[in-house]
Each structure stands twice: as structure tokens, then as C-alpha cells.
Amino acid sequence: MRILLIEDDSEAAAYMAKGLREAGHVVDHAATGTDGLFLATSERWDAMIIDRMLPGLDGLAIIQALRAAGNTTPVLVLSALGKVDDRVRGLKAGGDDYLVKPYAFAELLARIEALSRRVSSTQPETRLKVEDLEMDLLARTVTRGGQEIDLQPREFRLLEYLMRHGGQVVTRTMLLENVWEYHFDPQTNLIDVHISRLRQKVDKDFELPLIHTVRGAGYTLRAAR
């Protein structure tokens, strides 16, 4: 694996890098948060080990910046802060695992290799299906009962989100944040208009409606019960 190690303690970094290289991995090291973020975004890595408290830029800020940019490289957070709240904060920031200092190197190695196996065993999802409604995420096409449905880009994103949460109730806030990337309520009927248009295309010519309004809660995509 190619591993990026972001750690400001030179002695600890040298110890980790030596052990990882002896285990057969390629390791690059950054000693500051700023340098670490630059390396993290300029090259491709199989995994990253990021210390939480760094000069220049905090480790959690690095992880948040990576996740906001769509970078899904697995991250192991290292920190002397070991309380439950600290670990939760690290995971919520986008870390995949959290290891408290001091630690045994054997455990660090096992955790980073486990993260790599977890990612490599996960195949990217390219098709979504709910009943006879199918979406090809690579070709960006939608069909129902074999009949192609022409969607505008925003309608496609809306339907994709509903299909990824098939059978679940999706709230208006969830749609605003994940489909429109709004983190406020625009106080308009934006969602209602798009849901109505989507229903016209997905449900109108078919006997079984799939898009349902859950009064007072939001919407759900499922076969009628």
C-alpha cells in the first residue's frame, strides 16, 4: 500500500514509517497539517494515518477538507485524546478508525491493513433498482419496465437519492442538503415542484406508483403496501 503519514513528532513518525516499510508498504511523511493536506490532495493514496494535533492545520480539519472534496481514502486518526467524545468527534469528522496514543505498533499495522481490506472488498455501486425502476449510474440512464425515462440533471439526482434510500422516509431537509446542497430552508415550493415533475415521469404511465408523500414527514420511494 501507499500510505501517507501526517505526524509532527519526528521520532514517532520515523518509528511508524520504519515499521510500515518493513511490512512492505510505501510511506511518505508530512510533518505539518498544511503540508499533509497538500500531499493528500495532490497524489493518490491507499490509506492515510493522520495525527489529530498538528501545526498549521488540525488533523480533523484535514479530514473534513478531504471528505468535502469527495476524497474517500481510508483514514486512521492518531491522538492522545482518548475520551469517548474525542473518538466520536474524530469519526464524525470523517475518520474511518481512531487509535489512542500510546499504542502498540502491531495494532496500528493491523488496523491500517484492515481498513485497506475493507475498501478493496467493496465494489462500487453502478446500478440501483426499486421494483421495475432501474438506474444506471455510469450511463446516467433510467428505465421503468424497460421503458426509458428522460430526466433533467436535478431530477436524476433527486431520483438517485430516493432510490438509494428506497423504503425509507426522506425528509425535506435531507433533500435540500443532499440534492440541492442547501443548508437552509429557501421557503419555497422547490421540492414539491420537482417531486411533482418526477412523479409525472416515473409514475404517470404505470399502474403501480412508487413515489409517495408521507404526510408531515417527507417522501419515500417504494411499492405501495
Protein backbone atom coordinates (compact mmCIF):
# COMPACT_ATOMS: atom_id res chain seq x y z
CA MET A 1 0.00 0.00 0.00
CA ARG A 2 0.93 3.64 -0.48
CA ILE A 3 0.44 5.27 2.90
CA LEU A 4 0.57 8.95 3.76
CA LEU A 5 1.68 9.61 7.33
CA ILE A 6 0.92 13.07 8.73
CA GLU A 7 2.65 13.33 12.12
CA ASP A 8 4.58 16.24 13.63
CA ASP A 9 6.56 14.16 16.15
CA SER A 10 9.67 13.28 14.11
CA GLU A 11 10.69 10.38 16.37
CA ALA A 12 7.22 8.81 16.34
CA ALA A 13 6.95 9.33 12.59
CA ALA A 14 10.31 7.67 11.94
CA TYR A 15 9.32 4.69 14.09
CA MET A 16 5.98 4.25 12.32
CA ALA A 17 7.42 4.72 8.83
CA LYS A 18 10.19 2.18 9.50
CA GLY A 19 7.72 -0.43 10.75
CA LEU A 20 5.31 0.13 7.85
CA ARG A 21 8.11 -0.13 5.30
CA GLU A 22 9.37 -3.32 6.89
CA ALA A 23 5.82 -4.67 6.47
CA GLY A 24 6.10 -3.96 2.74
CA HIS A 25 4.31 -0.63 2.45
CA VAL A 26 5.43 2.57 0.75
CA VAL A 27 5.30 5.52 3.16
CA ASP A 28 5.53 9.28 2.64
CA HIS A 29 5.65 11.64 5.60
CA ALA A 30 4.41 15.19 6.19
CA ALA A 31 5.26 16.99 9.43
CA THR A 32 2.64 19.77 9.31
CA GLY A 33 -1.06 19.93 8.65
CA THR A 34 -0.57 22.26 5.70
CA ASP A 35 2.00 20.02 4.01
CA GLY A 36 -0.13 17.00 4.82
CA LEU A 37 -3.23 18.40 3.13
CA PHE A 38 -1.16 19.33 0.07
CA LEU A 39 0.20 15.80 -0.27
CA ALA A 40 -3.17 14.24 0.50
CA THR A 41 -4.84 16.13 -2.35
CA SER A 42 -2.03 16.03 -4.90
CA GLU A 43 -1.41 12.28 -5.04
CA ARG A 44 -3.35 9.04 -4.74
CA TRP A 45 -3.01 7.04 -1.51
CA ASP A 46 -4.33 3.69 -0.35
CA ALA A 47 -4.57 4.87 3.26
CA MET A 48 -3.65 7.80 5.48
CA ILE A 49 -2.53 7.98 9.09
CA ILE A 50 -3.25 11.44 10.48
CA ASP A 51 -2.28 12.78 13.88
CA ARG A 52 -5.02 14.89 15.37
CA MET A 53 -2.96 17.76 16.82
CA LEU A 54 -0.73 19.22 14.12
CA PRO A 55 0.97 22.56 13.48
CA GLY A 56 -0.53 24.66 10.71
CA LEU A 57 -3.78 22.74 10.33
CA ASP A 58 -5.57 20.42 12.76
CA GLY A 59 -5.85 16.77 11.74
CA LEU A 60 -9.64 16.78 11.88
CA ALA A 61 -9.72 19.86 9.64
CA ILE A 62 -7.63 17.95 7.10
CA ILE A 63 -10.04 15.03 7.14
CA GLN A 64 -13.08 17.30 6.84
CA ALA A 65 -11.49 19.07 3.85
CA LEU A 66 -10.78 15.73 2.17
CA ARG A 67 -14.30 14.42 2.69
CA ALA A 68 -15.84 17.70 1.49
CA ALA A 69 -13.80 17.33 -1.71
CA GLY A 70 -15.10 13.78 -2.22
CA ASN A 71 -11.86 12.05 -1.20
CA THR A 72 -12.77 8.65 0.28
CA THR A 73 -9.27 7.36 1.11
CA PRO A 74 -9.47 5.47 4.43
CA VAL A 75 -8.04 7.44 7.35
CA LEU A 76 -6.73 6.22 10.69
CA VAL A 77 -6.75 9.03 13.25
CA LEU A 78 -3.99 9.07 15.86
CA SER A 79 -4.46 11.07 19.04
CA ALA A 80 -3.52 11.32 22.70
CA LEU A 81 -7.13 12.44 23.24
CA GLY A 82 -8.87 9.23 24.15
CA LYS A 83 -12.18 10.11 25.75
CA VAL A 84 -15.36 8.85 24.15
CA ASP A 85 -16.31 12.36 22.97
CA ASP A 86 -12.89 12.76 21.36
CA ARG A 87 -13.17 9.47 19.49
CA VAL A 88 -16.71 10.28 18.37
CA ARG A 89 -15.57 13.69 17.11
CA GLY A 90 -12.79 12.08 15.11
CA LEU A 91 -15.11 9.57 13.48
CA LYS A 92 -17.78 12.17 12.76
CA ALA A 93 -15.17 14.36 11.07
CA GLY A 94 -14.69 11.55 8.55
CA GLY A 95 -12.08 9.30 10.12
CA ASP A 96 -12.55 5.58 9.49
CA ASP A 97 -10.79 4.44 12.65
CA TYR A 98 -9.32 6.06 15.76
CA LEU A 99 -6.26 4.88 17.66
CA VAL A 100 -5.30 6.39 21.01
CA LYS A 101 -1.67 7.11 21.93
CA PRO A 102 0.30 5.37 23.29
CA TYR A 103 -0.36 2.35 21.12
CA ALA A 104 1.32 -0.88 20.08
CA PHE A 105 2.70 -0.76 16.54
CA ALA A 106 1.28 -4.22 15.84
CA GLU A 107 -2.20 -2.84 16.49
CA LEU A 108 -1.63 0.19 14.24
CA LEU A 109 -0.45 -2.09 11.43
CA ALA A 110 -3.42 -4.42 11.87
CA ARG A 111 -5.89 -1.52 11.84
CA ILE A 112 -4.47 0.14 8.73
CA GLU A 113 -4.38 -3.16 6.84
CA ALA A 114 -7.96 -3.92 7.94
CA LEU A 115 -9.07 -0.55 6.54
CA SER A 116 -7.43 -1.38 3.24
CA ARG A 117 -9.14 -4.78 3.04
CA ARG A 118 -12.50 -3.22 3.84
CA VAL A 119 -12.17 -0.74 0.98
CA SER A 120 -10.81 -3.22 -1.57
CA SER A 121 -13.65 -5.67 -0.86
CA THR A 122 -16.30 -3.04 -1.53
CA GLN A 123 -17.30 -2.87 -5.18
CA PRO A 124 -18.60 0.49 -6.37
CA GLU A 125 -22.36 0.55 -6.92
CA THR A 126 -23.22 1.19 -10.56
CA ARG A 127 -26.92 0.27 -10.73
CA LEU A 128 -29.89 0.98 -8.49
CA LYS A 129 -33.20 -0.91 -8.64
CA VAL A 130 -36.54 -0.50 -6.90
CA GLU A 131 -39.28 -2.77 -8.25
CA ASP A 132 -39.21 -2.30 -12.07
CA LEU A 133 -37.46 1.07 -11.83
CA GLU A 134 -33.74 0.86 -12.72
CA MET A 135 -30.98 3.47 -12.76
CA ASP A 136 -27.61 3.05 -14.44
CA LEU A 137 -25.21 5.39 -12.62
CA LEU A 138 -22.49 5.07 -15.26
CA ALA A 139 -24.64 5.59 -18.34
CA ARG A 140 -26.83 8.08 -16.44
CA THR A 141 -29.99 6.42 -17.71
CA VAL A 142 -33.27 5.47 -16.05
CA THR A 143 -35.78 2.87 -17.20
CA ARG A 144 -39.02 1.55 -15.83
CA GLY A 145 -40.45 -1.69 -17.15
CA GLY A 146 -37.87 -1.47 -19.91
CA GLN A 147 -39.11 1.97 -20.98
CA GLU A 148 -36.50 4.75 -20.89
CA ILE A 149 -37.35 7.83 -18.80
CA ASP A 150 -35.78 11.15 -19.78
CA LEU A 151 -34.72 13.14 -16.72
CA GLN A 152 -33.12 16.52 -16.25
CA PRO A 153 -29.86 16.52 -14.18
CA ARG A 154 -31.59 17.72 -10.98
CA GLU A 155 -34.39 15.20 -11.43
CA PHE A 156 -31.79 12.47 -11.85
CA ARG A 157 -30.07 13.49 -8.60
CA LEU A 158 -33.39 13.61 -6.79
CA LEU A 159 -34.43 10.18 -8.01
CA GLU A 160 -30.99 8.74 -7.25
CA TYR A 161 -31.23 9.95 -3.67
CA LEU A 162 -34.73 8.49 -3.27
CA MET A 163 -33.60 5.17 -4.76
CA ARG A 164 -30.52 4.97 -2.53
CA HIS A 165 -32.92 5.33 0.41
CA GLY A 166 -35.62 3.10 -1.06
CA GLY A 167 -38.26 2.16 1.51
CA GLN A 168 -37.07 4.86 3.92
CA VAL A 169 -38.72 8.17 4.69
CA VAL A 170 -36.62 11.02 3.28
CA THR A 171 -37.25 14.42 4.87
CA ARG A 172 -37.31 17.77 3.10
CA THR A 173 -34.17 18.79 4.99
CA MET A 174 -32.35 15.69 3.74
CA LEU A 175 -33.33 16.52 0.16
CA LEU A 176 -32.33 20.17 0.46
CA GLU A 177 -28.91 19.27 1.87
CA ASN A 178 -28.08 16.30 -0.34
CA VAL A 179 -29.75 17.11 -3.68
CA TRP A 180 -29.61 20.91 -3.73
CA GLU A 181 -26.73 21.33 -1.25
CA TYR A 182 -28.73 23.94 0.65
CA HIS A 183 -28.08 24.16 4.39
CA PHE A 184 -31.05 26.44 4.92
CA ASP A 185 -34.73 26.37 4.03
CA PRO A 186 -35.34 28.61 0.99
CA GLN A 187 -39.01 28.86 1.99
CA THR A 188 -40.22 27.92 -1.49
CA ASN A 189 -42.10 25.01 -3.05
CA LEU A 190 -38.89 23.91 -4.80
CA ILE A 191 -39.08 20.31 -3.62
CA ASP A 192 -42.81 19.98 -4.29
CA VAL A 193 -42.35 21.15 -7.89
CA HIS A 194 -39.53 18.69 -8.57
CA ILE A 195 -41.32 15.79 -6.88
CA SER A 196 -44.41 16.56 -8.98
CA ARG A 197 -42.36 16.56 -12.19
CA LEU A 198 -40.65 13.34 -11.17
CA ARG A 199 -43.99 11.67 -10.48
CA GLN A 200 -45.19 12.65 -13.95
CA LYS A 201 -42.25 10.82 -15.46
CA VAL A 202 -41.83 7.87 -13.11
CA ASP A 203 -45.40 7.03 -12.09
CA LYS A 204 -47.92 8.56 -14.50
CA ASP A 205 -47.91 5.85 -17.19
CA PHE A 206 -47.56 2.94 -14.79
CA GLU A 207 -50.14 1.11 -12.71
CA LEU A 208 -48.02 0.90 -9.56
CA PRO A 209 -46.99 4.27 -8.04
CA LEU A 210 -43.54 4.32 -6.44
CA ILE A 211 -43.14 7.88 -5.13
CA HIS A 212 -45.24 8.52 -2.03
CA THR A 213 -45.75 11.51 0.23
CA VAL A 214 -45.51 10.76 3.94
CA ARG A 215 -47.67 13.46 5.49
CA GLY A 216 -45.76 15.61 7.94
CA ALA A 217 -42.50 13.74 7.33
CA GLY A 218 -41.35 13.78 3.71
CA TYR A 219 -41.26 11.29 0.87
CA THR A 220 -40.48 7.66 0.22
CA LEU A 221 -39.82 5.54 -2.86
CA ARG A 222 -41.35 2.07 -2.61
CA ALA A 223 -44.09 -0.13 -3.95
CA ALA A 224 -47.49 0.61 -2.43
CA ARG A 225 -48.27 -1.52 0.62
